[in-house]
C-alpha atoms as a PDB file:
ATOM      1  CA  UNK A   1      15.977  10.525  -8.594  1.00  0.00           C
ATOM      2  CA  UNK A   2      16.024  14.258  -8.165  1.00  0.00           C
ATOM      3  CA  UNK A   3      12.582  16.031  -7.721  1.00  0.00           C
ATOM      4  CA  UNK A   4      10.524  12.929  -6.696  1.00  0.00           C
ATOM      5  CA  UNK A   5       8.653  12.335  -3.654  1.00  0.00           C
ATOM      6  CA  UNK A   6      10.808  10.901  -0.956  1.00  0.00           C
ATOM      7  CA  UNK A   7       9.311   9.061   2.319  1.00  0.00           C
ATOM      8  CA  UNK A   8      11.423   9.296   5.370  1.00  0.00           C
ATOM      9  CA  UNK A   9       9.841   6.949   7.384  1.00  0.00           C
ATOM     10  CA  UNK A  10      13.248   6.887   9.815  1.00  0.00           C
ATOM     11  CA  UNK A  11      12.516  10.044  11.434  1.00  0.00           C
ATOM     12  CA  UNK A  12      10.030   9.839  14.677  1.00  0.00           C
ATOM     13  CA  UNK A  13       8.303  13.374  13.749  1.00  0.00           C
ATOM     14  CA  UNK A  14       7.556  11.971  10.479  1.00  0.00           C
ATOM     15  CA  UNK A  15       4.229  12.492   8.819  1.00  0.00           C
ATOM     16  CA  UNK A  16       4.852   9.982   6.518  1.00  0.00           C
ATOM     17  CA  UNK A  17       5.368   7.744   9.752  1.00  0.00           C
ATOM     18  CA  UNK A  18       2.263   8.808  11.150  1.00  0.00           C
ATOM     19  CA  UNK A  19       0.076   8.256   7.884  1.00  0.00           C
ATOM     20  CA  UNK A  20       1.940   4.751   7.561  1.00  0.00           C
ATOM     21  CA  UNK A  21       0.489   3.949  11.175  1.00  0.00           C
ATOM     22  CA  UNK A  22      -2.608   5.592  11.100  1.00  0.00           C
ATOM     23  CA  UNK A  23      -3.324   3.502   7.847  1.00  0.00           C
ATOM     24  CA  UNK A  24      -2.147   0.039   9.008  1.00  0.00           C
ATOM     25  CA  UNK A  25      -4.611   0.469  11.973  1.00  0.00           C
ATOM     26  CA  UNK A  26      -7.603   1.503  10.170  1.00  0.00           C
ATOM     27  CA  UNK A  27      -6.885  -1.287   8.193  1.00  0.00           C
ATOM     28  CA  UNK A  28      -7.079  -3.562  10.827  1.00  0.00           C
ATOM     29  CA  UNK A  29      -9.704  -1.956  12.390  1.00  0.00           C
ATOM     30  CA  UNK A  30     -11.664  -2.437   9.454  1.00  0.00           C
ATOM     31  CA  UNK A  31     -11.187  -6.234   9.261  1.00  0.00           C
ATOM     32  CA  UNK A  32     -12.490  -6.526  12.908  1.00  0.00           C
ATOM     33  CA  UNK A  33     -15.327  -4.231  12.249  1.00  0.00           C
ATOM     34  CA  UNK A  34     -15.976  -6.199   8.749  1.00  0.00           C
ATOM     35  CA  UNK A  35     -15.741  -9.860  10.575  1.00  0.00           C
ATOM     36  CA  UNK A  36     -17.658  -8.693  13.527  1.00  0.00           C
ATOM     37  CA  UNK A  37     -20.649  -7.906  10.821  1.00  0.00           C
ATOM     38  CA  UNK A  38     -20.225 -10.887   9.182  1.00  0.00           C
ATOM     39  CA  UNK A  39     -20.473 -12.959  12.384  1.00  0.00           C
ATOM     40  CA  UNK A  40     -24.044 -11.077  13.021  1.00  0.00           C
ATOM     41  CA  UNK A  41     -25.325 -11.569   9.472  1.00  0.00           C
ATOM     42  CA  UNK A  42     -24.356 -15.388   9.800  1.00  0.00           C
ATOM     43  CA  UNK A  43     -26.069 -15.509  12.991  1.00  0.00           C
ATOM     44  CA  UNK A  44     -23.266 -17.200  14.599  1.00  0.00           C
ATOM     45  CA  UNK A  45     -24.034 -17.596  18.055  1.00  0.00           C
ATOM     46  CA  UNK A  46     -22.489 -20.328  21.215  1.00  0.00           C
ATOM     47  CA  UNK A  47     -22.001 -21.069  24.856  1.00  0.00           C
ATOM     48  CA  UNK A  48     -18.585 -19.588  25.707  1.00  0.00           C
ATOM     49  CA  UNK A  49     -16.707 -17.722  28.752  1.00  0.00           C
ATOM     50  CA  UNK A  50     -13.422 -15.504  28.967  1.00  0.00           C
ATOM     51  CA  UNK A  51     -11.962 -15.414  31.921  1.00  0.00           C
ATOM     52  CA  UNK A  52      -8.739 -13.411  32.419  1.00  0.00           C
ATOM     53  CA  UNK A  53      -6.911 -11.072  35.197  1.00  0.00           C
ATOM     54  CA  UNK A  54      -4.353  -8.790  34.906  1.00  0.00           C
ATOM     55  CA  UNK A  55      -2.787  -5.881  37.163  1.00  0.00           C
ATOM     56  CA  UNK A  56      -5.714  -6.777  39.660  1.00  0.00           C
ATOM     57  CA  UNK A  57      -8.699  -6.676  37.014  1.00  0.00           C
ATOM     58  CA  UNK A  58     -10.551  -9.430  36.214  1.00  0.00           C
ATOM     59  CA  UNK A  59     -12.354  -9.862  32.774  1.00  0.00           C
ATOM     60  CA  UNK A  60     -15.212 -12.213  32.537  1.00  0.00           C
ATOM     61  CA  UNK A  61     -17.191 -12.217  29.360  1.00  0.00           C
ATOM     62  CA  UNK A  62     -19.768 -14.872  28.806  1.00  0.00           C
ATOM     63  CA  UNK A  63     -22.499 -15.614  26.084  1.00  0.00           C
ATOM     64  CA  UNK A  64     -22.026 -12.340  24.107  1.00  0.00           C
ATOM     65  CA  UNK A  65     -22.341 -12.660  20.388  1.00  0.00           C
ATOM     66  CA  UNK A  66     -19.178 -13.413  18.948  1.00  0.00           C
ATOM     67  CA  UNK A  67     -19.966 -10.806  16.352  1.00  0.00           C
ATOM     68  CA  UNK A  68     -20.383  -7.780  18.674  1.00  0.00           C
ATOM     69  CA  UNK A  69     -17.014  -8.762  20.709  1.00  0.00           C
ATOM     70  CA  UNK A  70     -15.418  -8.869  17.313  1.00  0.00           C
ATOM     71  CA  UNK A  71     -16.910  -5.545  16.827  1.00  0.00           C
ATOM     72  CA  UNK A  72     -15.693  -4.153  20.219  1.00  0.00           C
ATOM     73  CA  UNK A  73     -12.375  -5.686  19.850  1.00  0.00           C
ATOM     74  CA  UNK A  74     -12.093  -3.229  16.310  1.00  0.00           C
ATOM     75  CA  UNK A  75     -13.314  -0.399  18.248  1.00  0.00           C
ATOM     76  CA  UNK A  76     -10.783  -0.751  20.859  1.00  0.00           C
ATOM     77  CA  UNK A  77      -8.027  -0.928  18.443  1.00  0.00           C
ATOM     78  CA  UNK A  78      -9.158   2.401  17.133  1.00  0.00           C
ATOM     79  CA  UNK A  79     -10.113   3.910  20.595  1.00  0.00           C
ATOM     80  CA  UNK A  80      -7.159   3.139  22.636  1.00  0.00           C
ATOM     81  CA  UNK A  81      -4.647   1.641  20.446  1.00  0.00           C
ATOM     82  CA  UNK A  82      -4.458   4.563  17.905  1.00  0.00           C
ATOM     83  CA  UNK A  83      -3.971   7.412  20.447  1.00  0.00           C
ATOM     84  CA  UNK A  84      -1.074   5.575  22.166  1.00  0.00           C
ATOM     85  CA  UNK A  85       0.742   4.569  19.103  1.00  0.00           C
ATOM     86  CA  UNK A  86       0.616   8.279  17.979  1.00  0.00           C
ATOM     87  CA  UNK A  87       1.425   9.510  21.440  1.00  0.00           C
ATOM     88  CA  UNK A  88       4.401   7.388  21.510  1.00  0.00           C
ATOM     89  CA  UNK A  89       5.717   8.070  18.236  1.00  0.00           C
END
């Protein structure tokens, strides 16, 4: 295929690889944000707790709106996950 567009995803400094990673993480984040929005619109509520500890930190979340929690996870993917992933390419 001469003169055609070729993607080189094997090179670490490839712009195509960065575009692919950003696209995938954006789609994942979009699904989290959309799912959280749908949970809030439906009025999902409930009594629940998340208790976890890691590296000396403890996480305790209780009775937060499930929609807000899912939206927070989507935001964390973009805010923390995207820069970390691009830094390690």
